[in-house]
Each structure stands twice: as C-alpha cells, then as structure tokens.
Amino acid sequence: MTHHVILGAGPAGVIAAETIRKLSARDSITLIGDEPEPSYSRMAIPYLLMGNIDETGTYLRKSPTHFEDLGIKLVQDRVRSVQTDSKSIVLKSGATIGFDTLLIATGSHPVRPPIPGIDLAGVHPCWTLADARAIAALAQPGARVLQLGAGFIGCIIMEALAARGVKLSVVEMGDRMVPRMMGPTAGGMIRDWCETKGVEVFTSTKVESIEAGTPLNVKLSNGKTMQADLVISAAGVRPAIGYLENSGITCLLGVLTDEHLQSNVPGIYAAGDCAEALDKVSGKMIVSAIQPNAAEQARIAAMNMVAFARGQAPRAQLKGVTQINVLDTLGLISTSFGDWEGVPGGEHVELTDKAQGRHLSLQFRDDVLVGCNSVGWTEHVGVMRGLVEGQIRLGDWAHTLKQDPTRLMEAYLAAAQGQGDWSGATDARRR
C-alpha cells in the first residue's frame, strides 16, 4: 500500500490530504502537525482577538472526527529531519515514519528579531492560538500595547488590537507602513489614516531594547522610551524549513519546486508558505505566502503525488503564482498586485487625491499591466488583479490608461474580449 506523508497540518496540508483521499480510497495518508490544537487557520486569529469568532471558529474542519472519518492518520509531533535516501521522517519524539511520497507544507514561522528582551514575559508574536490566548489576556481596554512591525501581517493584527480598545503604538523600521507592499505615497497615506484613528506610528524607527518590569520599558532608536503592558513582535515570517538542512532537498528562500510542485528529489513535493514557485508576472521564483496560493499548490501537489505513486505522468501543472495582497487597515482598503514597483524599462502612471484618501499607481511593460497599487480605490480591485494575472495585452488601451488610469474597467472589457479572455461577456450583452 502506498504511504503519503504530509508535513504540516495547516490549510495546505489539510487540503492535500483530502485531495489524495478523493483520488485514492486505499492509499495510506499521515498528516503531521506540531501544535496541540485541531488544524486551524492562522488568518482567523485576528477575528478571534476581535471577538467575532471563538476558537472553534478558527478550525479548518468542524467535525472532531473529520480526519478519522477519512482514514487520515493525524500525528502531533515536530519534524527533526527528512532522510531522502531511506525515504523516512525522523520526529522530535524519536519516532521514524517511512513514506512513498512526501509533501512539505510546514508553512512559516515568525522572524525573531535580535533585540535584547525579546523573550521576556509580556512579549509575544501573534502566530499561534497559544499566542492569541496570551495576547487576549493582556490586551484589555486601555492597555498600552506596542507593536513591532507594520507590514501586511502587522496591519491585520493592528486591526484586531484596535478593536479591543487598547492604546496602540506601532514601530516600523521601514520608511513607511507596509513597505513590501506599498510605495512611499501609499504607505504614507496608510500611516496618516492610522494616526487619525488614534494609533501612534513611528516609521524609520527600530526597537533597541525591551526591559523587564510592570510595565515593560521599550527603548526606541528615535530616543524615546515607551512603557507597554504588552509588546507584540510582528517583524515578518520566514519559511519553516530548518529541518531540511542536509536533506539533499534544494532550498533557496523556500523549497524550490517545478511546475508540478515537485522538489529536486522525485516523489517529494512542497506547497504553501514554504514552497518557492514561479511568479508568472515577473518570471522569478518567489514564496507567495497567501492562503489562495497555498490551497491551489496543495491541490496540484496532491494530484501529482498520487500519479507519482502509481508510476503515471503528472496530472496537474501550476500555472504560476502571483503577488496578491488586499489589506483592510482600520477600514482603509489597499491593494498590491504583481510587480507593483515596476520593471526596468517600464512605464508608470500615478493618481493621488489625498483629500479623498485615494491613490492609484499602475506599472506597465510595453502594453501589459505588470503591477499596481491602490489605496481607498475599491471599484476595480478585481479588474486590476485580472489584468495583472492574465498578462493581457492592452494595445491602444495602455496609452489610454497612462493618460487616465481610472478607465480600467473599459480597458479590461475591450482588451480581454478581444483576446477571448472574457468568456460570456459578449453573450451577456446580447441578452
């Protein structure tokens, strides 16, 4: 009997296990997770902190016997190493599990910045349910909370903290908020918005040290010392693949995969936040750590794992990932798609109305939209994503958009229909 082993019981791991079971009723499946919780979504933790859901609302599957009912063996343990020669996994408990195919879906872990005092009581990342419980206990109304990091994840956490009625300060070492997603104008607008909502924001600033006490004393690089009842470290994440050292599996930032999500070792695949896959816009290999990509990669990897085990050709191919971000920061919607910083030799158009809190930036390579940013511009989010992901040639419409970037919908309809990418649009108009 074929044995499929999946490392990681988050969204990618769960979807892969379920997909394998749909394709094969008899194969053996083992799903390994390292937390003492039912499988859950980290993206739901802010909603837990807001009080919109309880802990069960974060669970990926609601039935406590879900995996048992599907004949999927669930193991709670940490992976120590992967032995490719013997096709086996060594766990922290000392147990060894053999496999025929393997999926690496262990996701990410928070970056631990090298700051004196980062391990003190009262300093927490916001990554696990255990973290959420600790934060909820300390983030009571009126509590002084200092958050380290104002990237994408940091802004989502900030939304949850503000909803709890804390006195919130945010420290970001970049020169703007969300620096890996937004340009200077957009990032500055998000900062201005947060400050109008009562959040104190320090950009181009580092936390130099955290000193024990009640409250904690936090020294900043701008010369300020702040008191905090809670410090949250949201300094970013990295793929959780340290256990693959000396395994023979090729890793760059993440596990390097081909179009079938297979690594350099036959029968070993990767999906989700720890997988490095082709960005179809830039043509570069990237880790695109968003749940929709994780789900699609897991589905494709699982299909190919079953095919590999049966000696068949791969069943599915990943068309590529894209950088897709839609962020709600205290009610202000911002987006970032594709190569939002532009490409060498490309063209750029920008429209900003700070009084109305609206900003739109489009990046072109010839007549193709390769990236965009927007703040407070919610009308055409789907159109922007479609143009960037579809790499649709706009022809004369590219010149039109460079003169008036607000005409995105017209450009999309005209160009996509002309290339047959807007199926049904013509029929709909005929009705």
Protein backbone atom coordinates (compact mmCIF):
# COMPACT_ATOMS: atom_id res chain seq x y z
CA MET A 1 0.00 0.00 0.00
CA THR A 2 1.27 3.46 -0.92
CA HIS A 3 2.02 5.76 2.02
CA HIS A 4 1.71 9.52 1.53
CA VAL A 5 3.16 11.66 4.34
CA ILE A 6 2.30 15.34 4.72
CA LEU A 7 4.36 17.63 6.95
CA GLY A 8 2.20 20.47 8.23
CA ALA A 9 -1.45 20.41 9.31
CA GLY A 10 -2.37 23.92 8.18
CA PRO A 11 -4.54 24.79 5.14
CA ALA A 12 -2.09 23.37 2.57
CA GLY A 13 -1.57 20.11 4.44
CA VAL A 14 -5.25 19.56 5.11
CA ILE A 15 -6.31 20.26 1.51
CA ALA A 16 -3.58 17.97 0.19
CA ALA A 17 -4.62 15.11 2.48
CA GLU A 18 -8.26 15.48 1.49
CA THR A 19 -7.37 15.64 -2.21
CA ILE A 20 -5.30 12.46 -2.01
CA ARG A 21 -8.17 10.68 -0.30
CA LYS A 22 -10.61 11.77 -3.02
CA LEU A 23 -8.29 10.34 -5.65
CA SER A 24 -7.43 7.15 -3.79
CA ALA A 25 -9.64 5.33 -1.32
CA ARG A 26 -6.95 2.82 -0.32
CA ASP A 27 -3.67 4.73 -0.02
CA SER A 28 -2.36 5.37 3.47
CA ILE A 29 -2.12 9.06 4.49
CA THR A 30 -0.31 10.51 7.50
CA LEU A 31 -0.69 14.19 8.38
CA ILE A 32 1.88 15.56 10.83
CA GLY A 33 1.28 18.79 12.77
CA ASP A 34 3.36 20.23 15.60
CA GLU A 35 0.69 22.09 17.60
CA PRO A 36 -1.59 20.56 20.28
CA GLU A 37 -4.66 22.01 18.55
CA PRO A 38 -7.07 20.88 15.87
CA SER A 39 -5.98 22.10 12.44
CA TYR A 40 -6.75 25.82 12.23
CA SER A 41 -6.20 28.90 10.11
CA ARG A 42 -3.70 31.48 11.36
CA MET A 43 -5.50 34.08 9.26
CA ALA A 44 -8.52 33.69 11.55
CA ILE A 45 -6.60 34.68 14.70
CA PRO A 46 -7.27 38.44 14.31
CA TYR A 47 -11.00 37.70 14.16
CA LEU A 48 -10.63 35.64 17.32
CA LEU A 49 -8.97 38.59 19.04
CA MET A 50 -11.72 40.89 17.82
CA GLY A 51 -14.30 38.59 19.39
CA ASN A 52 -16.00 37.86 16.07
CA ILE A 53 -15.41 34.12 16.49
CA ASP A 54 -14.38 31.73 19.24
CA GLU A 55 -11.51 29.27 18.96
CA THR A 56 -13.62 26.69 17.17
CA GLY A 57 -14.25 29.32 14.52
CA THR A 58 -10.56 29.14 13.58
CA TYR A 59 -10.71 25.39 12.98
CA LEU A 60 -10.31 24.34 9.36
CA ARG A 61 -12.75 21.45 9.76
CA LYS A 62 -15.54 21.46 12.31
CA SER A 63 -16.02 17.77 13.00
CA PRO A 64 -13.64 16.43 15.68
CA THR A 65 -13.56 13.10 13.82
CA HIS A 66 -13.02 14.61 10.34
CA PHE A 67 -9.62 13.04 9.66
CA GLU A 68 -10.53 9.77 11.34
CA ASP A 69 -13.63 9.55 9.16
CA LEU A 70 -11.47 9.97 6.06
CA GLY A 71 -8.94 7.38 7.19
CA ILE A 72 -6.21 10.03 7.57
CA LYS A 73 -3.80 9.40 10.44
CA LEU A 74 -3.09 12.59 12.36
CA VAL A 75 0.23 12.77 14.26
CA GLN A 76 1.07 15.61 16.64
CA ASP A 77 4.86 15.89 16.67
CA ARG A 78 7.67 18.05 15.33
CA VAL A 79 9.84 17.01 12.40
CA ARG A 80 13.52 16.73 13.24
CA SER A 81 14.84 15.70 9.83
CA VAL A 82 13.97 14.25 6.43
CA GLN A 83 16.09 11.32 5.24
CA THR A 84 15.72 11.20 1.46
CA ASP A 85 17.95 8.15 0.97
CA SER A 86 15.83 5.94 3.20
CA LYS A 87 12.60 7.85 2.40
CA SER A 88 11.83 8.43 6.05
CA ILE A 89 10.99 11.19 8.54
CA VAL A 90 12.60 11.45 11.98
CA LEU A 91 10.37 13.14 14.57
CA LYS A 92 11.28 15.01 17.73
CA SER A 93 9.80 12.15 19.75
CA GLY A 94 12.33 9.83 18.19
CA ALA A 95 9.80 8.03 16.02
CA THR A 96 10.63 7.30 12.37
CA ILE A 97 7.98 7.27 9.64
CA GLY A 98 8.61 5.91 6.15
CA PHE A 99 6.98 7.39 3.04
CA ASP A 100 6.45 6.72 -0.64
CA THR A 101 5.61 10.33 -1.40
CA LEU A 102 6.15 13.36 0.81
CA LEU A 103 4.60 16.83 0.90
CA ILE A 104 6.45 19.62 2.70
CA ALA A 105 3.75 22.04 3.88
CA THR A 106 5.15 23.33 7.18
CA GLY A 107 4.39 26.95 6.36
CA SER A 108 6.21 29.83 8.01
CA HIS A 109 7.40 30.85 11.42
CA PRO A 110 7.74 34.37 12.86
CA VAL A 111 11.04 36.15 12.49
CA ARG A 112 12.62 36.64 15.90
CA PRO A 113 14.42 40.00 15.78
CA PRO A 114 17.75 40.17 17.66
CA ILE A 115 16.52 42.63 20.29
CA PRO A 116 17.57 42.41 23.96
CA GLY A 117 14.48 41.43 25.94
CA ILE A 118 12.54 39.92 23.03
CA ASP A 119 11.99 36.74 25.11
CA LEU A 120 10.61 38.48 28.19
CA ALA A 121 7.19 37.74 29.63
CA GLY A 122 4.73 40.15 28.07
CA VAL A 123 6.40 39.98 24.62
CA HIS A 124 4.59 37.77 22.12
CA PRO A 125 4.35 37.05 18.40
CA CYS A 126 0.82 36.70 17.05
CA TRP A 127 1.09 33.41 15.21
CA THR A 128 -0.50 30.56 17.16
CA LEU A 129 -3.64 30.02 19.19
CA ALA A 130 -1.41 29.95 22.27
CA ASP A 131 -0.13 33.42 21.29
CA ALA A 132 -3.70 34.61 20.82
CA ARG A 133 -4.67 33.47 24.32
CA ALA A 134 -1.70 35.30 25.85
CA ILE A 135 -2.43 38.47 23.88
CA ALA A 136 -6.13 38.41 24.77
CA ALA A 137 -5.26 38.21 28.47
CA LEU A 138 -3.04 41.31 28.27
CA ALA A 139 -4.75 43.39 25.57
CA GLN A 140 -7.57 44.64 27.76
CA PRO A 141 -9.30 48.01 27.09
CA GLY A 142 -6.89 50.83 27.89
CA ALA A 143 -3.79 48.62 27.96
CA ARG A 144 -0.65 50.13 26.46
CA VAL A 145 0.38 47.96 23.53
CA LEU A 146 3.46 48.45 21.40
CA GLN A 147 3.61 46.55 18.13
CA LEU A 148 6.91 45.91 16.40
CA GLY A 149 6.29 45.83 12.64
CA ALA A 150 3.77 47.43 10.28
CA GLY A 151 3.90 45.04 7.36
CA PHE A 152 0.92 43.14 5.94
CA ILE A 153 0.56 40.80 8.91
CA GLY A 154 1.24 43.65 11.34
CA CYS A 155 -1.59 45.73 9.90
CA ILE A 156 -4.03 42.84 10.24
CA ILE A 157 -3.00 42.37 13.88
CA MET A 158 -3.31 46.11 14.42
CA GLU A 159 -6.93 45.96 13.28
CA ALA A 160 -7.68 43.34 15.95
CA LEU A 161 -5.87 45.26 18.68
CA ALA A 162 -7.68 48.49 17.90
CA ALA A 163 -10.99 46.64 18.15
CA ARG A 164 -10.04 45.61 21.69
CA GLY A 165 -9.78 49.25 22.77
CA VAL A 166 -6.07 49.31 23.61
CA LYS A 167 -3.77 52.32 23.43
CA LEU A 168 -1.70 51.25 20.45
CA SER A 169 1.71 52.36 19.20
CA VAL A 170 3.37 50.83 16.13
CA VAL A 171 7.09 50.86 15.33
CA GLU A 172 8.22 50.14 11.76
CA MET A 173 11.88 50.14 10.72
CA GLY A 174 10.96 50.88 7.09
CA ASP A 175 10.34 54.43 5.94
CA ARG A 176 6.61 53.76 5.53
CA MET A 177 3.90 51.35 6.54
CA VAL A 178 3.61 48.09 4.58
CA PRO A 179 6.94 48.76 2.79
CA ARG A 180 6.96 45.42 0.95
CA MET A 181 3.53 46.06 -0.50
CA MET A 182 3.21 49.82 -0.89
CA GLY A 183 5.21 52.67 -2.40
CA PRO A 184 6.05 55.83 -0.44
CA THR A 185 2.83 57.69 -1.26
CA ALA A 186 0.54 54.75 -0.50
CA GLY A 187 2.43 53.75 2.66
CA GLY A 188 2.35 57.34 3.88
CA MET A 189 -1.39 57.57 3.31
CA ILE A 190 -1.96 54.42 5.37
CA ARG A 191 0.12 55.92 8.17
CA ASP A 192 -1.87 59.16 8.08
CA TRP A 193 -5.10 57.17 8.22
CA CYS A 194 -3.93 55.14 11.22
CA GLU A 195 -2.96 58.27 13.10
CA THR A 196 -6.42 59.77 12.55
CA LYS A 197 -7.77 56.57 14.13
CA GLY A 198 -5.71 57.13 17.27
CA VAL A 199 -2.79 54.81 16.52
CA GLU A 200 0.67 56.24 17.19
CA VAL A 201 3.02 55.31 14.34
CA PHE A 202 6.81 55.56 14.26
CA THR A 203 8.43 54.81 10.88
CA SER A 204 12.18 54.62 10.16
CA THR A 205 12.46 53.51 13.79
CA LYS A 206 13.81 50.39 15.50
CA VAL A 207 13.17 48.86 18.89
CA GLU A 208 16.61 48.85 20.53
CA SER A 209 15.76 47.00 23.74
CA ILE A 210 12.94 45.80 25.98
CA GLU A 211 13.49 45.94 29.73
CA ALA A 212 11.61 43.77 32.22
CA GLY A 213 9.09 45.28 34.56
CA THR A 214 5.45 46.06 35.02
CA PRO A 215 5.09 47.80 32.67
CA LEU A 216 7.83 46.88 30.18
CA ASN A 217 10.19 49.70 29.18
CA VAL A 218 10.87 49.83 25.44
CA LYS A 219 13.73 51.91 24.08
CA LEU A 220 13.40 53.16 20.51
CA SER A 221 16.10 54.30 18.10
CA ASN A 222 14.49 57.76 17.92
CA GLY A 223 15.47 58.38 21.54
CA LYS A 224 12.05 57.68 23.06
CA THR A 225 11.44 55.23 25.88
CA MET A 226 7.90 53.87 26.00
CA GLN A 227 6.04 51.89 28.61
CA ALA A 228 3.98 48.93 27.47
CA ASP A 229 1.76 46.34 29.13
CA LEU A 230 2.19 44.17 26.03
CA VAL A 231 4.70 44.09 23.20
CA ILE A 232 3.76 42.25 20.01
CA SER A 233 6.52 41.18 17.63
CA ALA A 234 5.21 41.25 14.05
CA ALA A 235 8.54 41.58 12.28
CA GLY A 236 7.65 39.22 9.44
CA VAL A 237 7.85 35.49 8.77
CA ARG A 238 10.19 33.01 7.07
CA PRO A 239 9.56 29.53 5.62
CA ALA A 240 9.76 26.88 8.33
CA ILE A 241 12.24 24.56 6.63
CA GLY A 242 15.22 24.42 9.00
CA TYR A 243 14.73 20.66 9.43
CA LEU A 244 15.60 20.17 5.74
CA GLU A 245 19.24 21.07 6.26
CA ASN A 246 21.48 18.33 4.86
CA SER A 247 18.45 16.53 3.40
CA GLY A 248 19.52 16.99 -0.21
CA ILE A 249 16.31 18.89 -0.95
CA THR A 250 17.16 22.14 -2.74
CA CYS A 251 16.00 25.24 -0.85
CA LEU A 252 16.52 28.90 -1.58
CA LEU A 253 14.17 31.09 0.46
CA GLY A 254 11.72 28.16 0.36
CA VAL A 255 11.71 24.66 -1.12
CA LEU A 256 12.42 25.07 -4.82
CA THR A 257 9.65 23.45 -6.88
CA ASP A 258 8.88 22.84 -10.53
CA GLU A 259 5.57 23.35 -12.31
CA HIS A 260 4.27 20.13 -10.71
CA LEU A 261 5.25 21.34 -7.20
CA GLN A 262 7.92 18.62 -7.10
CA SER A 263 11.29 19.35 -5.49
CA ASN A 264 14.61 18.23 -6.95
CA VAL A 265 14.02 14.87 -5.22
CA PRO A 266 11.48 12.71 -7.09
CA GLY A 267 8.39 11.99 -5.02
CA ILE A 268 8.95 14.91 -2.65
CA TYR A 269 6.74 17.96 -3.14
CA ALA A 270 6.12 21.30 -1.44
CA ALA A 271 3.14 23.63 -1.13
CA GLY A 272 2.15 26.79 0.68
CA ASP A 273 4.26 29.31 2.55
CA CYS A 274 7.38 27.13 2.48
CA ALA A 275 7.30 26.49 -1.29
CA GLU A 276 9.12 28.59 -3.85
CA ALA A 277 7.29 28.66 -7.17
CA LEU A 278 7.33 30.62 -10.42
CA ASP A 279 5.79 34.09 -10.38
CA LYS A 280 4.08 34.22 -13.77
CA VAL A 281 4.30 38.03 -13.92
CA SER A 282 7.95 38.62 -13.04
CA GLY A 283 9.27 35.26 -14.22
CA LYS A 284 11.12 34.86 -10.90
CA MET A 285 10.88 32.14 -8.28
CA ILE A 286 9.14 33.50 -5.19
CA VAL A 287 7.46 32.44 -1.96
CA SER A 288 3.94 33.82 -2.21
CA ALA A 289 2.65 33.36 1.32
CA ILE A 290 -1.08 33.78 0.85
CA GLN A 291 -3.76 31.18 1.50
CA PRO A 292 -5.29 31.04 -2.03
CA ASN A 293 -1.89 30.12 -3.46
CA ALA A 294 -1.35 27.57 -0.69
CA ALA A 295 -4.68 25.90 -1.44
CA GLU A 296 -4.03 25.67 -5.18
CA GLN A 297 -0.48 24.41 -4.71
CA ALA A 298 -1.70 21.77 -2.25
CA ARG A 299 -4.36 20.52 -4.65
CA ILE A 300 -1.91 20.24 -7.55
CA ALA A 301 0.83 18.64 -5.45
CA ALA A 302 -1.61 16.06 -4.09
CA MET A 303 -2.78 15.09 -7.57
CA ASN A 304 0.81 14.62 -8.69
CA MET A 305 1.73 12.65 -5.57
CA VAL A 306 -0.95 10.10 -6.40
CA ALA A 307 0.20 9.96 -10.03
CA PHE A 308 3.84 9.52 -8.97
CA ALA A 309 2.92 6.67 -6.62
CA ARG A 310 1.15 4.93 -9.49
CA GLY A 311 4.03 5.41 -11.91
CA GLN A 312 1.97 7.82 -14.01
CA ALA A 313 2.84 11.14 -15.61
CA PRO A 314 1.99 14.25 -13.55
CA ARG A 315 -1.72 15.04 -13.55
CA ALA A 316 -1.64 18.77 -12.95
CA GLN A 317 0.56 21.79 -13.51
CA LEU A 318 0.79 25.05 -11.59
CA LYS A 319 0.39 27.95 -13.98
CA GLY A 320 2.34 30.13 -11.60
CA VAL A 321 1.71 32.25 -8.55
CA THR A 322 1.28 35.99 -8.33
CA GLN A 323 1.79 38.52 -5.60
CA ILE A 324 -1.73 39.36 -4.48
CA ASN A 325 -2.49 41.47 -1.43
CA VAL A 326 -5.72 43.12 -0.36
CA LEU A 327 -5.49 44.77 3.04
CA ASP A 328 -8.06 46.37 5.35
CA THR A 329 -6.29 48.72 7.76
CA LEU A 330 -8.81 50.14 10.22
CA GLY A 331 -11.33 50.45 7.41
CA LEU A 332 -8.97 51.71 4.69
CA ILE A 333 -8.70 49.26 1.78
CA SER A 334 -5.39 48.99 -0.05
CA THR A 335 -4.20 46.57 -2.73
CA SER A 336 -0.99 45.43 -4.31
CA PHE A 337 -0.68 43.15 -7.33
CA GLY A 338 2.27 41.84 -9.30
CA ASP A 339 5.39 43.94 -9.86
CA TRP A 340 3.98 46.99 -8.08
CA GLU A 341 7.42 48.65 -8.02
CA GLY A 342 7.69 48.45 -11.81
CA VAL A 343 10.16 46.75 -14.13
CA PRO A 344 13.30 48.02 -15.89
CA GLY A 345 12.32 50.00 -18.96
CA GLY A 346 8.67 50.04 -17.95
CA GLU A 347 6.28 52.97 -17.69
CA HIS A 348 4.32 54.25 -14.72
CA VAL A 349 1.23 56.36 -14.08
CA GLU A 350 0.03 57.56 -10.69
CA LEU A 351 -3.08 59.37 -9.50
CA THR A 352 -3.36 60.67 -5.93
CA ASP A 353 -6.15 62.52 -4.12
CA LYS A 354 -5.04 62.74 -0.51
CA ALA A 355 -8.07 64.80 0.48
CA GLN A 356 -10.32 61.90 -0.54
CA GLY A 357 -7.85 59.25 0.64
CA ARG A 358 -7.48 57.74 -2.83
CA HIS A 359 -4.36 56.65 -4.66
CA LEU A 360 -3.82 54.56 -7.78
CA SER A 361 -0.49 53.52 -9.29
CA LEU A 362 -0.14 51.42 -12.46
CA GLN A 363 3.05 49.83 -13.79
CA PHE A 364 3.44 48.77 -17.43
CA ARG A 365 5.82 46.72 -19.54
CA ASP A 366 5.01 47.80 -23.10
CA ASP A 367 1.23 47.40 -23.32
CA VAL A 368 0.87 44.93 -20.42
CA LEU A 369 -0.08 45.91 -16.86
CA VAL A 370 2.54 44.17 -14.72
CA GLY A 371 1.72 45.64 -11.32
CA CYS A 372 -0.38 48.12 -9.39
CA ASN A 373 -1.02 49.71 -6.01
CA SER A 374 -4.18 51.32 -4.75
CA VAL A 375 -5.40 52.96 -1.56
CA GLY A 376 -9.08 53.72 -0.98
CA TRP A 377 -9.81 52.68 -4.56
CA THR A 378 -12.15 49.76 -4.27
CA GLU A 379 -14.11 49.97 -7.51
CA HIS A 380 -11.83 47.93 -9.75
CA VAL A 381 -9.87 45.60 -7.47
CA GLY A 382 -10.94 42.52 -9.44
CA VAL A 383 -10.12 44.20 -12.75
CA MET A 384 -6.63 45.15 -11.59
CA ARG A 385 -5.98 41.60 -10.47
CA GLY A 386 -7.36 40.17 -13.71
CA LEU A 387 -5.20 42.40 -15.91
CA VAL A 388 -2.03 41.66 -13.94
CA GLU A 389 -2.61 37.91 -13.56
CA GLY A 390 -3.84 37.48 -17.13
CA GLN A 391 -0.94 39.48 -18.61
CA ILE A 392 -3.45 40.79 -21.12
CA ARG A 393 -2.09 42.86 -23.97
CA LEU A 394 -3.93 46.18 -23.82
CA GLY A 395 -2.86 47.58 -27.18
CA ASP A 396 -4.01 51.21 -27.58
CA TRP A 397 -5.77 50.97 -24.23
CA ALA A 398 -2.39 51.01 -22.49
CA HIS A 399 -1.83 54.55 -23.82
CA THR A 400 -5.35 55.49 -22.69
CA LEU A 401 -4.68 54.22 -19.15
CA LYS A 402 -1.40 56.09 -18.97
CA GLN A 403 -3.43 59.26 -19.62
CA ASP A 404 -6.39 58.31 -17.41
CA PRO A 405 -5.82 55.32 -15.12
CA THR A 406 -9.42 55.42 -13.89
CA ARG A 407 -10.61 53.77 -17.14
CA LEU A 408 -9.53 50.32 -16.00
CA MET A 409 -12.89 48.63 -16.49
CA GLU A 410 -13.26 49.85 -20.06
CA ALA A 411 -9.73 48.73 -20.86
CA TYR A 412 -10.29 45.31 -19.36
CA LEU A 413 -13.55 44.66 -21.18
CA ALA A 414 -12.19 45.81 -24.53
CA ALA A 415 -8.83 44.04 -24.34
CA ALA A 416 -9.99 40.83 -22.68
CA GLN A 417 -12.89 40.35 -25.09
CA GLY A 418 -10.55 40.96 -27.99
CA GLN A 419 -8.31 38.15 -26.79
CA GLY A 420 -11.11 35.77 -25.84
CA ASP A 421 -10.41 36.07 -22.13
CA TRP A 422 -13.80 37.45 -21.16
CA SER A 423 -15.94 34.43 -21.98
CA GLY A 424 -19.61 35.10 -21.75
CA ALA A 425 -19.32 38.89 -21.85
CA THR A 426 -20.45 39.11 -25.47
CA ASP A 427 -23.34 36.70 -24.88
CA ALA A 428 -24.39 38.65 -21.83
CA ARG A 429 -24.61 41.85 -23.88
CA ARG A 430 -26.73 40.14 -26.49
CA ARG A 431 -29.36 39.12 -23.95
